[in-house]
């Protein structure tokens, strides 16, 4: 249990690929469940209804809700990403860049630049594509590439 808590709380040290996948999976599941709840609360209606068409106001409210979810998982995500980067002998602060596309997309939604889910603007469409691409490529790269063998400047081999 202590290892699980340390996985999401500390920014120092290294983690191997298996704990990275466990942490990423747990954060993804948490994010999905909470995002779905936020969608129901912020949109104030069933987004799965056949006649559902969100308005620009809906998307702005959802943008604020999405921002709240991102802020909740920000530190645990940074902890997992930083330790995995450090296992590759890269500085952990690089993990901050993982969130830039998410915040750009959220700001576009809040300021009405993203359009709606059914009628996105070019800015909204491209912001979503960039956000998802950065996340998929980063997670796959960090989850597949083996870490530095032996100790490095961030600690012993988590092996």
Protein backbone atom coordinates (compact mmCIF):
# COMPACT_ATOMS: atom_id res chain seq x y z
CA UNK A 1 0.00 0.00 0.00
CA UNK A 2 2.88 2.33 0.79
CA UNK A 3 4.28 1.82 -2.72
CA UNK A 4 0.94 2.77 -4.29
CA UNK A 5 0.74 5.97 -2.25
CA UNK A 6 4.38 6.79 -3.06
CA UNK A 7 3.67 6.21 -6.76
CA UNK A 8 1.17 9.11 -6.80
CA UNK A 9 2.74 11.45 -4.25
CA UNK A 10 6.50 11.76 -4.61
CA UNK A 11 8.28 13.59 -7.39
CA UNK A 12 11.69 12.08 -6.65
CA UNK A 13 13.11 8.73 -7.59
CA UNK A 14 12.44 6.32 -10.42
CA UNK A 15 9.76 3.84 -11.44
CA UNK A 16 9.97 1.01 -13.95
CA UNK A 17 7.50 0.40 -16.77
CA UNK A 18 5.11 -1.86 -14.82
CA UNK A 19 4.36 0.66 -12.03
CA UNK A 20 4.07 3.34 -14.72
CA UNK A 21 1.36 1.32 -16.52
CA UNK A 22 -0.43 0.63 -13.22
CA UNK A 23 -0.34 4.31 -12.24
CA UNK A 24 -1.36 5.49 -15.70
CA UNK A 25 -4.21 2.97 -15.85
CA UNK A 26 -5.49 4.00 -12.41
CA UNK A 27 -5.34 7.69 -13.32
CA UNK A 28 -7.05 7.03 -16.67
CA UNK A 29 -9.86 5.10 -14.96
CA UNK A 30 -10.28 7.79 -12.29
CA UNK A 31 -10.24 10.52 -14.93
CA UNK A 32 -12.84 8.71 -17.04
CA UNK A 33 -15.26 8.13 -14.17
CA UNK A 34 -14.93 11.67 -12.78
CA UNK A 35 -15.13 13.24 -16.26
CA UNK A 36 -18.34 11.37 -16.96
CA UNK A 37 -19.79 12.58 -13.66
CA UNK A 38 -18.71 16.14 -14.45
CA UNK A 39 -20.33 15.87 -17.88
CA UNK A 40 -23.67 14.90 -16.34
CA UNK A 41 -23.47 17.63 -13.69
CA UNK A 42 -22.11 20.47 -15.85
CA UNK A 43 -24.34 19.83 -18.86
CA UNK A 44 -27.38 19.25 -16.65
CA UNK A 45 -28.81 16.61 -18.96
CA UNK A 46 -28.09 13.21 -20.41
CA UNK A 47 -25.27 13.49 -22.99
CA UNK A 48 -26.22 10.03 -24.29
CA UNK A 49 -29.76 11.08 -25.25
CA UNK A 50 -30.51 10.78 -28.96
CA UNK A 51 -31.48 14.45 -29.37
CA UNK A 52 -28.60 15.83 -27.30
CA UNK A 53 -26.84 18.77 -28.92
CA UNK A 54 -24.66 20.79 -26.54
CA UNK A 55 -24.71 24.55 -26.80
CA UNK A 56 -21.72 26.88 -26.57
CA UNK A 57 -22.73 27.63 -22.97
CA UNK A 58 -22.75 23.90 -22.24
CA UNK A 59 -19.22 23.61 -23.63
CA UNK A 60 -18.01 26.53 -21.51
CA UNK A 61 -19.46 24.99 -18.34
CA UNK A 62 -17.97 21.65 -19.33
CA UNK A 63 -14.61 23.37 -19.89
CA UNK A 64 -14.64 24.61 -16.30
CA UNK A 65 -15.60 21.16 -15.06
CA UNK A 66 -12.87 19.54 -17.15
CA UNK A 67 -10.39 22.08 -15.72
CA UNK A 68 -11.39 21.04 -12.19
CA UNK A 69 -10.82 17.36 -13.04
CA UNK A 70 -7.41 18.12 -14.56
CA UNK A 71 -6.40 20.10 -11.47
CA UNK A 72 -7.46 17.18 -9.23
CA UNK A 73 -5.28 14.66 -11.07
CA UNK A 74 -2.47 17.08 -11.91
CA UNK A 75 -0.12 16.29 -9.02
CA UNK A 76 -0.56 12.47 -9.07
CA UNK A 77 -0.05 12.51 -12.86
CA UNK A 78 3.04 14.69 -12.55
CA UNK A 79 4.42 12.32 -9.90
CA UNK A 80 4.02 9.23 -12.11
CA UNK A 81 5.34 10.96 -15.24
CA UNK A 82 8.28 12.63 -13.47
CA UNK A 83 9.50 9.39 -11.91
CA UNK A 84 9.23 7.54 -15.22
CA UNK A 85 11.13 10.31 -17.00
CA UNK A 86 13.79 10.16 -14.28
CA UNK A 87 14.11 6.43 -14.87
CA UNK A 88 15.07 7.39 -18.44
CA UNK A 89 17.61 9.85 -16.95
CA UNK A 90 15.58 12.88 -18.07
CA UNK A 91 14.59 15.69 -15.71
CA UNK A 92 11.15 15.16 -14.17
CA UNK A 93 10.04 18.76 -14.76
CA UNK A 94 9.60 17.88 -18.46
CA UNK A 95 6.33 16.20 -17.34
CA UNK A 96 4.76 19.68 -17.15
CA UNK A 97 4.73 19.84 -20.96
CA UNK A 98 2.37 16.84 -21.03
CA UNK A 99 -0.40 19.11 -19.74
CA UNK A 100 0.08 22.07 -22.10
CA UNK A 101 -2.28 20.67 -24.81
CA UNK A 102 -4.94 19.90 -22.20
CA UNK A 103 -4.87 23.42 -20.79
CA UNK A 104 -4.91 24.89 -24.32
CA UNK A 105 -8.01 22.84 -25.18
CA UNK A 106 -9.71 23.79 -21.91
CA UNK A 107 -9.03 27.50 -22.47
CA UNK A 108 -10.38 27.22 -26.02
CA UNK A 109 -13.58 25.66 -24.65
CA UNK A 110 -13.96 28.20 -21.83
CA UNK A 111 -13.52 31.16 -24.19
CA UNK A 112 -15.88 29.69 -26.77
CA UNK A 113 -13.17 29.06 -29.35
CA UNK A 114 -13.63 25.28 -29.52
CA UNK A 115 -17.23 25.24 -30.71
CA UNK A 116 -19.46 22.39 -29.57
CA UNK A 117 -18.96 18.64 -29.51
CA UNK A 118 -21.10 18.21 -32.63
CA UNK A 119 -19.87 21.37 -34.38
CA UNK A 120 -16.26 22.01 -33.35
CA UNK A 121 -14.42 24.98 -34.77
CA UNK A 122 -11.09 24.37 -36.54
CA UNK A 123 -9.36 25.52 -33.33
CA UNK A 124 -11.36 23.05 -31.25
CA UNK A 125 -10.79 20.22 -33.69
CA UNK A 126 -7.02 20.77 -33.89
CA UNK A 127 -6.66 21.38 -30.16
CA UNK A 128 -8.38 18.04 -29.52
CA UNK A 129 -6.25 16.22 -32.08
CA UNK A 130 -3.02 17.66 -30.67
CA UNK A 131 -4.07 16.93 -27.08
CA UNK A 132 -4.90 13.29 -27.79
CA UNK A 133 -1.84 12.72 -29.98
CA UNK A 134 0.56 14.13 -27.37
CA UNK A 135 -1.00 12.01 -24.63
CA UNK A 136 -1.04 8.77 -26.64
CA UNK A 137 2.52 9.14 -27.93
CA UNK A 138 3.89 10.16 -24.52
CA UNK A 139 2.22 7.33 -22.63
CA UNK A 140 3.25 4.73 -25.20
CA UNK A 141 6.85 5.98 -25.32
CA UNK A 142 7.21 6.07 -21.54
CA UNK A 143 5.52 2.71 -21.18
CA UNK A 144 7.59 0.91 -23.82
CA UNK A 145 11.11 2.37 -23.69
CA UNK A 146 13.24 0.64 -21.03
CA UNK A 147 14.77 2.79 -18.31
CA UNK A 148 18.43 3.45 -17.68
CA UNK A 149 20.25 0.32 -16.53
CA UNK A 150 21.82 0.64 -13.10
CA UNK A 151 21.80 3.74 -10.93
CA UNK A 152 21.49 7.18 -12.48
CA UNK A 153 21.43 10.70 -11.00
CA UNK A 154 17.80 10.15 -9.85
CA UNK A 155 18.38 7.00 -7.84
CA UNK A 156 18.98 3.26 -8.01
CA UNK A 157 17.60 1.06 -10.78
CA UNK A 158 13.95 0.30 -9.88
CA UNK A 159 14.49 -2.99 -11.74
